Amino acid sequence: MSQQLVLDGDTEDAKQLARILYLVHAATFFFSLGTLSILPVIVNYVKRPDTVGMVYSHHSWMIRSFWYYVLWMVVGGIIFATVVGIPLAFLVWGVAWVWKAYRLIRGFLDLNSNKPMPL
């Protein structure tokens, strides 16, 4: 006997919005290195209280990903301000970019698999 997950319309709509937000985060991340990600993060903050459970965890995951990415980009900028630290700044920025890409891909895949993100 196979089990089937049944979602109500509100949950499915919330999942669809989360999918769109993951894609918008990815697009802004790819085309502006995350500078324009403030726009989908605002939507995450606005829509997160309207959701529960799995979808709520995905909104929180995207918000945390954004703020940690901002933190590491600022740290890289501070390091870049010192001439000696320029190579280290590029390393910090590269690692932050790969980490953010991983978070977006993992979140999108887990959302499609109906898995909540760790809080």
N, C-alpha and C. Protein backbone atom coordinates (compact mmCIF):
# COMPACT_ATOMS: atom_id res chain seq x y z
N MET A 1 0.84 -1.16 0.00
CA MET A 1 0.00 0.00 0.00
C MET A 1 0.90 1.24 0.00
N SER A 2 0.64 2.17 -0.85
CA SER A 2 1.45 3.38 -0.89
C SER A 2 0.74 4.49 -0.13
N GLN A 3 1.55 5.36 0.45
CA GLN A 3 0.99 6.49 1.18
C GLN A 3 1.12 7.73 0.29
N GLN A 4 0.12 8.57 0.37
CA GLN A 4 0.14 9.78 -0.43
C GLN A 4 -0.06 10.97 0.50
N LEU A 5 0.77 11.98 0.30
CA LEU A 5 0.67 13.19 1.10
C LEU A 5 -0.41 14.08 0.49
N VAL A 6 -1.37 14.46 1.32
CA VAL A 6 -2.45 15.31 0.85
C VAL A 6 -2.28 16.68 1.50
N LEU A 7 -2.17 17.71 0.67
CA LEU A 7 -2.01 19.07 1.16
C LEU A 7 -3.25 19.87 0.83
N ASP A 8 -3.64 20.74 1.74
CA ASP A 8 -4.78 21.59 1.43
C ASP A 8 -4.34 22.72 0.49
N GLY A 9 -5.30 23.44 -0.02
CA GLY A 9 -5.01 24.49 -0.99
C GLY A 9 -4.12 25.59 -0.45
N ASP A 10 -4.32 25.97 0.82
CA ASP A 10 -3.50 27.03 1.40
C ASP A 10 -2.04 26.61 1.51
N THR A 11 -1.82 25.38 1.91
CA THR A 11 -0.45 24.89 2.03
C THR A 11 0.21 24.81 0.66
N GLU A 12 -0.54 24.36 -0.32
CA GLU A 12 0.03 24.26 -1.67
C GLU A 12 0.34 25.65 -2.23
N ASP A 13 -0.52 26.63 -1.95
CA ASP A 13 -0.25 28.00 -2.38
C ASP A 13 0.99 28.56 -1.68
N ALA A 14 1.12 28.26 -0.38
CA ALA A 14 2.29 28.73 0.37
C ALA A 14 3.56 28.08 -0.16
N LYS A 15 3.48 26.79 -0.51
CA LYS A 15 4.64 26.12 -1.10
C LYS A 15 5.01 26.73 -2.44
N GLN A 16 4.00 27.06 -3.24
CA GLN A 16 4.28 27.66 -4.55
C GLN A 16 4.95 29.02 -4.38
N LEU A 17 4.48 29.82 -3.42
CA LEU A 17 5.12 31.11 -3.16
C LEU A 17 6.56 30.90 -2.71
N ALA A 18 6.80 29.91 -1.84
CA ALA A 18 8.17 29.64 -1.39
C ALA A 18 9.06 29.22 -2.56
N ARG A 19 8.52 28.42 -3.48
CA ARG A 19 9.29 28.04 -4.67
C ARG A 19 9.68 29.29 -5.47
N ILE A 20 8.70 30.17 -5.67
CA ILE A 20 8.97 31.39 -6.42
C ILE A 20 10.02 32.23 -5.71
N LEU A 21 9.93 32.31 -4.38
CA LEU A 21 10.92 33.09 -3.63
C LEU A 21 12.31 32.49 -3.74
N TYR A 22 12.41 31.16 -3.71
CA TYR A 22 13.72 30.53 -3.92
C TYR A 22 14.28 30.92 -5.29
N LEU A 23 13.44 30.90 -6.30
CA LEU A 23 13.90 31.24 -7.65
C LEU A 23 14.28 32.72 -7.75
N VAL A 24 13.53 33.59 -7.10
CA VAL A 24 13.87 35.02 -7.13
C VAL A 24 15.16 35.26 -6.36
N HIS A 25 15.32 34.59 -5.20
CA HIS A 25 16.59 34.69 -4.46
C HIS A 25 17.74 34.25 -5.36
N ALA A 26 17.56 33.14 -6.06
CA ALA A 26 18.63 32.63 -6.93
C ALA A 26 18.93 33.60 -8.07
N ALA A 27 17.90 34.16 -8.66
CA ALA A 27 18.11 35.09 -9.77
C ALA A 27 18.84 36.35 -9.30
N THR A 28 18.41 36.90 -8.18
CA THR A 28 19.08 38.11 -7.68
C THR A 28 20.49 37.78 -7.21
N PHE A 29 20.66 36.60 -6.68
CA PHE A 29 21.98 36.16 -6.23
C PHE A 29 22.92 36.01 -7.42
N PHE A 30 22.42 35.44 -8.50
CA PHE A 30 23.25 35.21 -9.68
C PHE A 30 23.55 36.51 -10.42
N PHE A 31 22.55 37.37 -10.58
CA PHE A 31 22.73 38.56 -11.40
C PHE A 31 23.26 39.78 -10.64
N SER A 32 23.09 39.82 -9.31
CA SER A 32 23.56 40.98 -8.56
C SER A 32 24.40 40.59 -7.35
N LEU A 33 24.85 39.34 -7.30
CA LEU A 33 25.61 38.82 -6.16
C LEU A 33 24.88 39.00 -4.84
N GLY A 34 23.56 38.97 -4.90
CA GLY A 34 22.76 39.04 -3.69
C GLY A 34 22.32 40.43 -3.29
N THR A 35 22.77 41.45 -3.99
CA THR A 35 22.42 42.82 -3.62
C THR A 35 20.91 43.04 -3.66
N LEU A 36 20.25 42.52 -4.67
CA LEU A 36 18.81 42.71 -4.81
C LEU A 36 17.99 41.68 -4.02
N SER A 37 18.64 40.81 -3.28
CA SER A 37 17.92 39.81 -2.49
C SER A 37 17.12 40.42 -1.35
N ILE A 38 17.32 41.68 -1.10
CA ILE A 38 16.53 42.34 -0.05
C ILE A 38 15.04 42.32 -0.42
N LEU A 39 14.73 42.34 -1.71
CA LEU A 39 13.32 42.32 -2.14
C LEU A 39 12.61 41.01 -1.78
N PRO A 40 13.15 39.84 -2.15
CA PRO A 40 12.46 38.61 -1.72
C PRO A 40 12.52 38.37 -0.21
N VAL A 41 13.55 38.89 0.45
CA VAL A 41 13.61 38.73 1.90
C VAL A 41 12.48 39.50 2.58
N ILE A 42 12.13 40.65 2.05
CA ILE A 42 11.00 41.40 2.60
C ILE A 42 9.72 40.58 2.45
N VAL A 43 9.55 39.94 1.30
CA VAL A 43 8.37 39.08 1.10
C VAL A 43 8.42 37.90 2.07
N ASN A 44 9.62 37.33 2.32
CA ASN A 44 9.75 36.25 3.30
C ASN A 44 9.26 36.70 4.67
N TYR A 45 9.69 37.89 5.08
CA TYR A 45 9.28 38.41 6.39
C TYR A 45 7.77 38.64 6.45
N VAL A 46 7.19 39.13 5.36
CA VAL A 46 5.75 39.42 5.34
C VAL A 46 4.93 38.14 5.33
N LYS A 47 5.33 37.14 4.58
CA LYS A 47 4.54 35.92 4.42
C LYS A 47 4.81 34.86 5.48
N ARG A 48 5.93 34.91 6.16
CA ARG A 48 6.26 33.88 7.15
C ARG A 48 5.21 33.73 8.24
N PRO A 49 4.65 34.80 8.80
CA PRO A 49 3.63 34.61 9.85
C PRO A 49 2.35 33.92 9.35
N ASP A 50 2.09 33.96 8.05
CA ASP A 50 0.89 33.35 7.50
C ASP A 50 1.04 31.85 7.27
N THR A 51 2.22 31.33 7.48
CA THR A 51 2.47 29.91 7.20
C THR A 51 2.79 29.17 8.50
N VAL A 52 2.72 27.86 8.43
CA VAL A 52 3.05 27.01 9.58
C VAL A 52 3.88 25.83 9.09
N GLY A 53 4.54 25.19 10.04
CA GLY A 53 5.24 23.93 9.75
C GLY A 53 6.35 24.03 8.74
N MET A 54 6.26 23.17 7.74
CA MET A 54 7.32 23.02 6.77
C MET A 54 7.59 24.31 6.00
N VAL A 55 6.56 24.98 5.53
CA VAL A 55 6.76 26.18 4.72
C VAL A 55 7.34 27.31 5.58
N TYR A 56 6.90 27.40 6.83
CA TYR A 56 7.46 28.39 7.76
C TYR A 56 8.96 28.20 7.89
N SER A 57 9.39 26.94 8.01
CA SER A 57 10.82 26.67 8.16
C SER A 57 11.60 27.09 6.91
N HIS A 58 10.98 27.01 5.74
CA HIS A 58 11.66 27.43 4.51
C HIS A 58 11.80 28.95 4.45
N HIS A 59 10.79 29.68 4.91
CA HIS A 59 10.92 31.14 4.97
C HIS A 59 12.05 31.52 5.92
N SER A 60 12.09 30.87 7.08
CA SER A 60 13.16 31.15 8.05
C SER A 60 14.53 30.81 7.47
N TRP A 61 14.61 29.71 6.73
CA TRP A 61 15.86 29.27 6.09
C TRP A 61 16.36 30.33 5.10
N MET A 62 15.45 30.88 4.29
CA MET A 62 15.85 31.90 3.32
C MET A 62 16.27 33.19 4.02
N ILE A 63 15.57 33.55 5.08
CA ILE A 63 15.92 34.77 5.82
C ILE A 63 17.30 34.62 6.46
N ARG A 64 17.53 33.49 7.13
CA ARG A 64 18.85 33.27 7.76
C ARG A 64 19.95 33.22 6.71
N SER A 65 19.68 32.57 5.58
CA SER A 65 20.68 32.50 4.51
C SER A 65 21.06 33.90 4.04
N PHE A 66 20.07 34.75 3.87
CA PHE A 66 20.32 36.12 3.42
C PHE A 66 21.19 36.88 4.41
N TRP A 67 20.83 36.85 5.69
CA TRP A 67 21.57 37.65 6.67
C TRP A 67 22.98 37.13 6.91
N TYR A 68 23.18 35.82 6.92
CA TYR A 68 24.54 35.30 7.06
C TYR A 68 25.38 35.63 5.83
N TYR A 69 24.77 35.60 4.65
CA TYR A 69 25.49 35.98 3.44
C TYR A 69 25.90 37.45 3.50
N VAL A 70 24.99 38.31 3.95
CA VAL A 70 25.31 39.73 4.11
C VAL A 70 26.47 39.89 5.09
N LEU A 71 26.41 39.18 6.20
CA LEU A 71 27.47 39.26 7.21
C LEU A 71 28.83 38.92 6.59
N TRP A 72 28.89 37.81 5.85
CA TRP A 72 30.17 37.39 5.29
C TRP A 72 30.64 38.30 4.16
N MET A 73 29.71 38.90 3.44
CA MET A 73 30.11 39.87 2.41
C MET A 73 30.67 41.13 3.06
N VAL A 74 30.10 41.57 4.17
CA VAL A 74 30.62 42.73 4.89
C VAL A 74 31.99 42.42 5.47
N VAL A 75 32.14 41.23 6.06
CA VAL A 75 33.45 40.83 6.59
C VAL A 75 34.49 40.83 5.48
N GLY A 76 34.12 40.30 4.32
CA GLY A 76 35.04 40.33 3.17
C GLY A 76 35.37 41.75 2.75
N GLY A 77 34.39 42.64 2.80
CA GLY A 77 34.63 44.04 2.46
C GLY A 77 35.58 44.71 3.42
N ILE A 78 35.45 44.41 4.70
CA ILE A 78 36.36 44.97 5.71
C ILE A 78 37.77 44.44 5.48
N ILE A 79 37.88 43.15 5.20
CA ILE A 79 39.20 42.57 4.93
C ILE A 79 39.78 43.16 3.65
N PHE A 80 38.93 43.40 2.65
CA PHE A 80 39.37 43.96 1.38
C PHE A 80 39.97 45.36 1.56
N ALA A 81 39.50 46.09 2.57
CA ALA A 81 39.96 47.45 2.80
C ALA A 81 41.45 47.49 3.16
N THR A 82 41.96 46.38 3.64
CA THR A 82 43.40 46.31 3.89
C THR A 82 44.06 45.70 2.66
N VAL A 83 45.08 46.31 2.17
CA VAL A 83 45.72 45.86 0.94
C VAL A 83 46.24 44.44 1.08
N VAL A 84 46.77 44.09 2.25
CA VAL A 84 47.31 42.76 2.47
C VAL A 84 46.20 41.71 2.46
N GLY A 85 44.98 42.11 2.87
CA GLY A 85 43.88 41.16 2.99
C GLY A 85 43.08 40.93 1.73
N ILE A 86 43.45 41.54 0.62
CA ILE A 86 42.66 41.41 -0.61
C ILE A 86 42.51 39.95 -1.04
N PRO A 87 43.56 39.14 -1.08
CA PRO A 87 43.36 37.73 -1.45
C PRO A 87 42.45 36.99 -0.47
N LEU A 88 42.58 37.30 0.81
CA LEU A 88 41.71 36.67 1.82
C LEU A 88 40.26 37.11 1.63
N ALA A 89 40.05 38.37 1.27
CA ALA A 89 38.70 38.87 1.02
C ALA A 89 38.05 38.11 -0.13
N PHE A 90 38.79 37.89 -1.21
CA PHE A 90 38.24 37.14 -2.33
C PHE A 90 37.92 35.70 -1.93
N LEU A 91 38.74 35.12 -1.05
CA LEU A 91 38.47 33.78 -0.55
C LEU A 91 37.18 33.77 0.28
N VAL A 92 37.02 34.74 1.18
CA VAL A 92 35.82 34.84 2.00
C VAL A 92 34.59 35.01 1.11
N TRP A 93 34.66 35.90 0.12
CA TRP A 93 33.53 36.11 -0.78
C TRP A 93 33.21 34.86 -1.59
N GLY A 94 34.23 34.15 -2.04
CA GLY A 94 34.01 32.92 -2.81
C GLY A 94 33.33 31.84 -1.99
N VAL A 95 33.82 31.66 -0.77
CA VAL A 95 33.22 30.66 0.12
C VAL A 95 31.78 31.05 0.46
N ALA A 96 31.54 32.33 0.72
CA ALA A 96 30.18 32.81 1.01
C ALA A 96 29.26 32.56 -0.18
N TRP A 97 29.75 32.78 -1.39
CA TRP A 97 28.95 32.58 -2.59
C TRP A 97 28.56 31.10 -2.74
N VAL A 98 29.54 30.22 -2.57
CA VAL A 98 29.27 28.78 -2.69
C VAL A 98 28.30 28.33 -1.60
N TRP A 99 28.49 28.82 -0.38
CA TRP A 99 27.61 28.47 0.74
C TRP A 99 26.18 28.90 0.45
N LYS A 100 25.99 30.13 -0.03
CA LYS A 100 24.65 30.64 -0.33
C LYS A 100 24.02 29.83 -1.46
N ALA A 101 24.79 29.49 -2.48
CA ALA A 101 24.27 28.66 -3.57
C ALA A 101 23.81 27.30 -3.04
N TYR A 102 24.60 26.71 -2.17
CA TYR A 102 24.23 25.43 -1.55
C TYR A 102 22.92 25.56 -0.78
N ARG A 103 22.77 26.63 0.01
CA ARG A 103 21.56 26.82 0.81
C ARG A 103 20.33 26.98 -0.08
N LEU A 104 20.46 27.71 -1.17
CA LEU A 104 19.32 27.89 -2.07
C LEU A 104 18.94 26.58 -2.75
N ILE A 105 19.92 25.84 -3.22
CA ILE A 105 19.65 24.57 -3.90
C ILE A 105 19.06 23.56 -2.93
N ARG A 106 19.66 23.44 -1.75
CA ARG A 106 19.15 22.48 -0.77
C ARG A 106 17.73 22.83 -0.34
N GLY A 107 17.48 24.11 -0.09
CA GLY A 107 16.14 24.52 0.32
C GLY A 107 15.10 24.23 -0.75
N PHE A 108 15.42 24.54 -2.00
CA PHE A 108 14.48 24.29 -3.09
C PHE A 108 14.18 22.80 -3.23
N LEU A 109 15.22 21.98 -3.17
CA LEU A 109 15.02 20.53 -3.30
C LEU A 109 14.23 19.96 -2.13
N ASP A 110 14.52 20.42 -0.92
CA ASP A 110 13.79 19.93 0.25
C ASP A 110 12.33 20.40 0.23
N LEU A 111 12.09 21.60 -0.25
CA LEU A 111 10.70 22.08 -0.37
C LEU A 111 9.93 21.18 -1.34
N ASN A 112 10.54 20.84 -2.45
CA ASN A 112 9.87 19.97 -3.41
C ASN A 112 9.69 18.55 -2.90
N SER A 113 10.49 18.16 -1.91
CA SER A 113 10.36 16.83 -1.30
C SER A 113 9.51 16.87 -0.03
N ASN A 114 8.89 18.02 0.25
CA ASN A 114 8.04 18.21 1.44
C ASN A 114 8.79 17.99 2.74
N LYS A 115 10.05 18.40 2.78
CA LYS A 115 10.86 18.29 3.99
C LYS A 115 11.04 19.66 4.61
N PRO A 116 10.89 19.75 5.93
CA PRO A 116 11.15 21.04 6.58
C PRO A 116 12.64 21.30 6.68
N MET A 117 12.99 22.55 6.81
CA MET A 117 14.40 22.91 6.98
C MET A 117 14.71 22.94 8.48
N PRO A 118 15.96 22.65 8.85
CA PRO A 118 16.31 22.70 10.28
C PRO A 118 16.25 24.13 10.80
N LEU A 119 15.74 24.29 11.98
CA LEU A 119 15.66 25.62 12.58
C LEU A 119 16.88 25.80 13.42
